[in-house]
Protein backbone atom coordinates (compact mmCIF):
# COMPACT_ATOMS: atom_id res chain seq x y z
CA MET A 1 56.41 154.46 163.85
CA THR A 2 55.17 156.68 161.44
CA ILE A 3 52.63 155.57 158.85
CA LEU A 4 52.07 158.24 157.02
CA GLU A 5 53.30 161.94 156.32
CA ALA A 6 52.66 164.73 154.24
CA GLN A 7 55.42 167.24 153.49
CA GLN A 8 54.51 170.80 152.96
CA VAL A 9 51.58 170.03 150.40
CA THR A 10 49.85 172.37 148.35
CA LYS A 11 46.88 172.53 146.60
CA MET A 12 45.97 174.93 143.42
CA TYR A 13 42.58 174.29 141.59
CA GLY A 14 41.99 176.79 138.51
CA ALA A 15 44.57 178.79 136.60
CA ASP A 16 45.71 181.93 136.00
CA GLU A 17 43.61 184.72 137.63
CA ALA A 18 40.79 181.96 138.68
CA GLN A 19 43.02 179.66 140.24
CA VAL A 20 42.26 178.90 143.98
CA GLN A 21 44.65 177.94 146.46
CA VAL A 22 43.21 175.11 148.95
CA LEU A 23 46.19 174.02 150.88
CA ARG A 24 49.33 175.87 151.24
CA SER A 25 52.72 174.26 152.77
CA VAL A 26 50.60 171.50 154.89
CA SER A 27 52.63 168.89 157.13
CA MET A 28 51.96 166.56 159.33
CA GLN A 29 52.58 162.86 160.80
CA VAL A 30 50.44 160.01 162.03
CA GLN A 31 52.02 157.64 164.36
CA ALA A 32 50.96 153.90 163.96
CA GLY A 33 48.15 153.54 166.78
CA GLU A 34 46.99 156.65 167.18
CA LEU A 35 43.93 158.37 166.21
CA VAL A 36 44.09 162.04 164.71
CA ALA A 37 41.18 163.70 164.21
CA ILE A 38 41.21 167.53 161.42
CA MET A 39 38.50 170.07 162.10
CA GLY A 40 38.51 174.21 160.53
CA PRO A 41 35.17 176.00 158.94
CA SER A 42 33.54 175.05 156.07
CA GLY A 43 36.59 176.21 153.31
CA SER A 44 39.55 175.60 155.31
CA GLY A 45 40.96 172.71 153.22
CA LYS A 46 40.35 169.66 155.64
CA SER A 47 38.45 167.24 153.21
CA THR A 48 40.65 168.00 150.32
CA LEU A 49 43.55 167.39 152.58
CA LEU A 50 41.72 164.31 153.29
CA THR A 51 41.19 163.24 149.90
CA ILE A 52 45.23 163.97 149.86
CA LEU A 53 46.66 161.96 151.68
CA GLY A 54 43.99 159.02 150.59
CA GLY A 55 46.12 158.71 147.47
CA ILE A 56 42.20 160.24 145.52
CA GLU A 57 43.82 163.24 144.09
CA PRO A 58 47.78 164.45 143.87
CA PRO A 59 48.70 167.50 145.90
CA THR A 60 50.00 170.41 143.11
CA SER A 61 53.41 170.47 145.56
CA GLY A 62 54.40 168.24 148.48
CA ARG A 63 55.07 165.16 149.01
CA VAL A 64 52.38 162.18 151.17
CA LEU A 65 54.11 158.54 152.68
CA LEU A 66 52.27 156.48 153.03
CA GLU A 67 54.38 153.16 155.16
CA GLN A 68 57.21 154.97 152.92
CA VAL A 69 56.18 155.13 149.57
CA GLU A 70 55.66 158.62 148.21
CA LEU A 71 52.03 158.55 146.63
CA THR A 72 53.23 161.31 145.06
CA GLU A 73 55.75 158.80 142.53
CA LEU A 74 52.80 156.11 141.98
CA THR A 75 51.03 155.97 138.96
CA GLU A 76 47.33 155.82 138.80
CA ASP A 77 47.10 152.66 138.69
CA GLN A 78 49.69 152.24 141.77
CA ARG A 79 47.80 154.29 143.81
CA THR A 80 44.57 152.78 143.01
CA VAL A 81 46.05 149.22 144.57
CA LEU A 82 47.70 150.53 147.40
CA ARG A 83 43.54 152.74 148.17
CA ARG A 84 42.37 148.66 147.63
CA ARG A 85 44.46 146.98 149.59
CA ARG A 86 46.13 149.49 152.48
CA ILE A 87 43.58 152.47 152.81
CA GLY A 88 39.97 152.04 154.21
CA PHE A 89 37.35 154.98 153.61
CA VAL A 90 34.59 155.71 155.69
CA PHE A 91 32.43 158.32 154.23
CA GLN A 92 29.27 160.48 155.41
CA SER A 93 26.59 159.12 153.15
CA PHE A 94 27.89 155.65 154.50
CA ASN A 95 28.14 154.21 150.57
CA LEU A 96 26.51 151.03 151.05
CA LEU A 97 25.19 149.37 148.10
CA PRO A 98 21.59 148.78 148.58
CA ASN A 99 20.54 145.76 147.32
CA LEU A 100 23.22 143.96 148.82
CA ASN A 101 23.39 142.91 152.68
CA ALA A 102 25.61 143.78 155.31
CA LEU A 103 27.38 140.41 155.11
CA GLU A 104 28.07 140.93 151.48
CA ASN A 105 28.75 144.25 150.84
CA VAL A 106 31.17 143.56 153.32
CA ALA A 107 32.69 141.09 151.35
CA LEU A 108 32.68 142.61 148.30
CA PRO A 109 35.75 144.54 148.45
CA LEU A 110 37.70 141.89 148.91
CA GLN A 111 36.20 139.46 146.18
CA LEU A 112 37.08 142.46 143.78
CA ASP A 113 40.84 142.34 145.54
CA GLY A 114 41.04 138.37 144.01
CA ILE A 115 40.06 136.43 147.93
CA SER A 116 38.12 133.39 147.16
CA SER A 117 34.46 134.10 148.07
CA ALA A 118 34.53 131.81 150.77
CA ASN A 119 37.46 133.51 152.83
CA ALA A 120 36.20 137.05 152.35
CA PHE A 121 32.71 135.79 153.87
CA GLN A 122 34.68 134.31 156.29
CA ARG A 123 36.71 137.52 157.06
CA ALA A 124 33.56 139.64 156.73
CA GLN A 125 31.91 138.20 158.99
CA HIS A 126 34.82 138.47 161.61
CA THR A 127 34.91 142.15 160.96
CA LEU A 128 31.39 142.52 161.75
CA GLU A 129 31.61 140.82 164.63
CA GLN A 130 34.47 143.31 165.68
CA VAL A 131 31.76 146.22 165.22
CA GLU A 132 28.78 144.01 166.81
CA MET A 133 26.87 143.97 163.82
CA THR A 134 26.26 140.28 163.52
CA HIS A 135 23.13 140.07 163.86
CA ARG A 136 22.35 142.32 160.94
CA LEU A 137 24.11 140.30 158.40
CA ASN A 138 21.36 139.48 156.44
CA HIS A 139 19.88 142.89 156.34
CA ARG A 140 19.96 145.20 153.98
CA PRO A 141 20.83 149.20 154.56
CA SER A 142 17.05 150.39 153.79
CA ALA A 143 16.56 147.59 157.10
CA MET A 144 19.62 149.34 159.76
CA SER A 145 19.21 152.44 161.37
CA GLY A 146 22.01 155.36 160.25
CA GLY A 147 24.66 154.15 163.08
CA GLU A 148 24.15 150.68 161.95
CA GLN A 149 24.98 151.52 158.50
CA GLN A 150 28.00 152.92 159.87
CA ARG A 151 29.25 150.45 161.42
CA VAL A 152 28.58 148.03 158.31
CA ALA A 153 30.80 151.00 156.27
CA ILE A 154 33.41 151.18 158.77
CA ALA A 155 33.55 146.76 158.50
CA ARG A 156 33.83 146.77 155.11
CA ALA A 157 36.75 149.60 154.94
CA LEU A 158 38.44 147.54 157.86
CA ALA A 159 38.05 143.98 155.92
CA ILE A 160 41.16 144.80 153.46
CA ARG A 161 42.76 145.10 157.04
CA PRO A 162 44.17 148.58 156.22
CA ALA A 163 47.49 150.37 157.59
CA LEU A 164 45.56 153.85 157.27
CA LEU A 165 41.68 153.91 158.31
CA LEU A 166 40.48 157.72 157.08
CA MET A 167 37.47 159.10 158.14
CA ASP A 168 35.16 161.85 156.25
CA GLU A 169 32.39 163.32 159.16
CA PRO A 170 32.17 159.74 160.52
CA THR A 171 28.33 160.47 162.50
CA GLY A 172 27.73 164.01 160.47
CA ASN A 173 24.71 161.73 159.53
CA LEU A 174 23.88 160.64 162.85
CA ASP A 175 21.92 161.23 166.39
CA SER A 176 23.61 162.26 169.06
CA ARG A 177 23.42 158.69 170.94
CA GLN A 178 24.53 156.85 167.35
CA SER A 179 27.66 159.48 167.63
CA GLU A 180 28.54 158.44 170.94
CA ARG A 181 28.40 154.47 169.68
CA ILE A 182 30.53 155.61 167.06
CA SER A 183 33.09 157.37 168.79
CA ARG A 184 33.52 154.34 171.64
CA LEU A 185 34.04 152.18 168.28
CA MET A 186 36.71 154.54 166.84
CA ARG A 187 38.34 154.85 170.14
CA SER A 188 38.07 151.16 170.47
CA LEU A 189 39.81 150.04 167.63
CA VAL A 190 42.74 152.18 168.22
CA ASP A 191 43.23 151.03 171.69
CA ASP A 192 42.71 147.14 171.19
CA LEU A 193 43.43 146.86 167.60
CA GLY A 194 46.19 149.66 167.02
CA GLN A 195 44.26 150.63 164.21
CA THR A 196 45.44 154.22 163.10
CA ILE A 197 43.21 156.15 162.12
CA VAL A 198 42.62 159.38 160.33
CA MET A 199 38.99 161.53 161.03
CA VAL A 200 38.10 165.19 159.49
CA THR A 201 34.78 165.96 162.08
CA HIS A 202 32.79 169.30 162.72
CA ASP A 203 31.88 168.12 166.44
CA ALA A 204 33.63 168.71 169.35
CA ALA A 205 33.01 166.13 171.22
CA ILE A 206 34.36 163.31 168.73
CA ALA A 207 37.20 165.26 167.49
CA SER A 208 37.71 165.21 171.51
CA ILE A 209 38.31 161.49 171.52
CA ALA A 210 40.98 162.12 169.64
CA SER A 211 44.94 161.71 170.41
CA ARG A 212 45.75 164.33 168.30
CA LEU A 213 43.77 167.66 166.87
CA ILE A 214 45.17 169.21 163.95
CA CYS A 215 42.76 172.63 163.18
CA ILE A 216 42.82 173.88 159.59
CA ARG A 217 42.27 177.65 158.49
CA ASP A 218 42.68 179.35 155.65
CA GLY A 219 44.94 176.04 154.29
CA GLU A 220 47.25 176.23 156.42
CA VAL A 221 47.53 174.30 159.97
CA GLU A 222 46.76 176.92 162.81
CA LYS A 223 47.15 174.36 165.75
CA ASP A 224 48.49 170.50 166.19
CA GLY A 225 48.31 169.57 169.62
CA ARG A 226 46.30 167.56 172.46
CA PRO A 227 42.32 167.87 171.41
CA GLN A 228 42.14 168.84 175.67
CA GLU A 229 44.83 171.46 175.42
CA ILE A 230 43.12 173.33 172.25
CA LEU A 231 38.95 172.69 172.32
CA GLY A 232 39.57 174.17 176.20
CA ARG A 233 40.27 177.57 174.76
CA PRO A 234 37.11 179.27 173.60
CA SER A 235 38.79 181.20 170.58
CA ALA A 236 39.34 177.11 169.39
CA LEU A 237 35.77 176.26 168.88
CA LEU A 238 34.69 178.78 166.57
CA LEU A 239 36.01 176.57 164.04
CA GLY A 240 32.45 176.42 161.99
CA LYS A 241 30.54 173.15 160.56
CA ALA A 242 32.13 171.30 157.63
């Protein structure tokens, strides 16, 4: 089943002579339970594509459909509700609230969506168990390693039970050991829970765990296929760092 679809997505910034085209007629599909990695050089448009796929900003032209709902036809309020309930976001900088512990950080989005505190904390604890962070329930971000903070951020995104999990450089601020743990976690979310994930990464090692790899260059899809096939070609590794 197709969870996410982009059809001829184009994105322009600026006007008249100062206009810049960031994305050019990008089309892609993501199936349920798929882990898709997006790679490309700095300025290729991959992060812009992720924000459009997540309904954070609209395309200049083209269509984006999540679970057959066209995001570009929704009002801003409707997109906000959809993002809050159907899309989980994980960022490179974690974005955890420093004055809240792990359990409170994960429960907060649920409470803001009207779920009772008792149910929110119960679901938050269950989600933290899934990412193996029960030993840090009462710790604030400052008492955690980068990898632990990222796992809490992933738990926060998963707690809403999203149809789609979007991750922007999920290992960008982590060392190799922590990156490996996050990679294993992402793979287990797909294999064991059937979670659908789309991630942007500059790291070929992280991209190699994906079911599919989409390479973006100059705002266009250059390659779309199995990571083993694409990354096995020396020229495809010259993607640069985001």
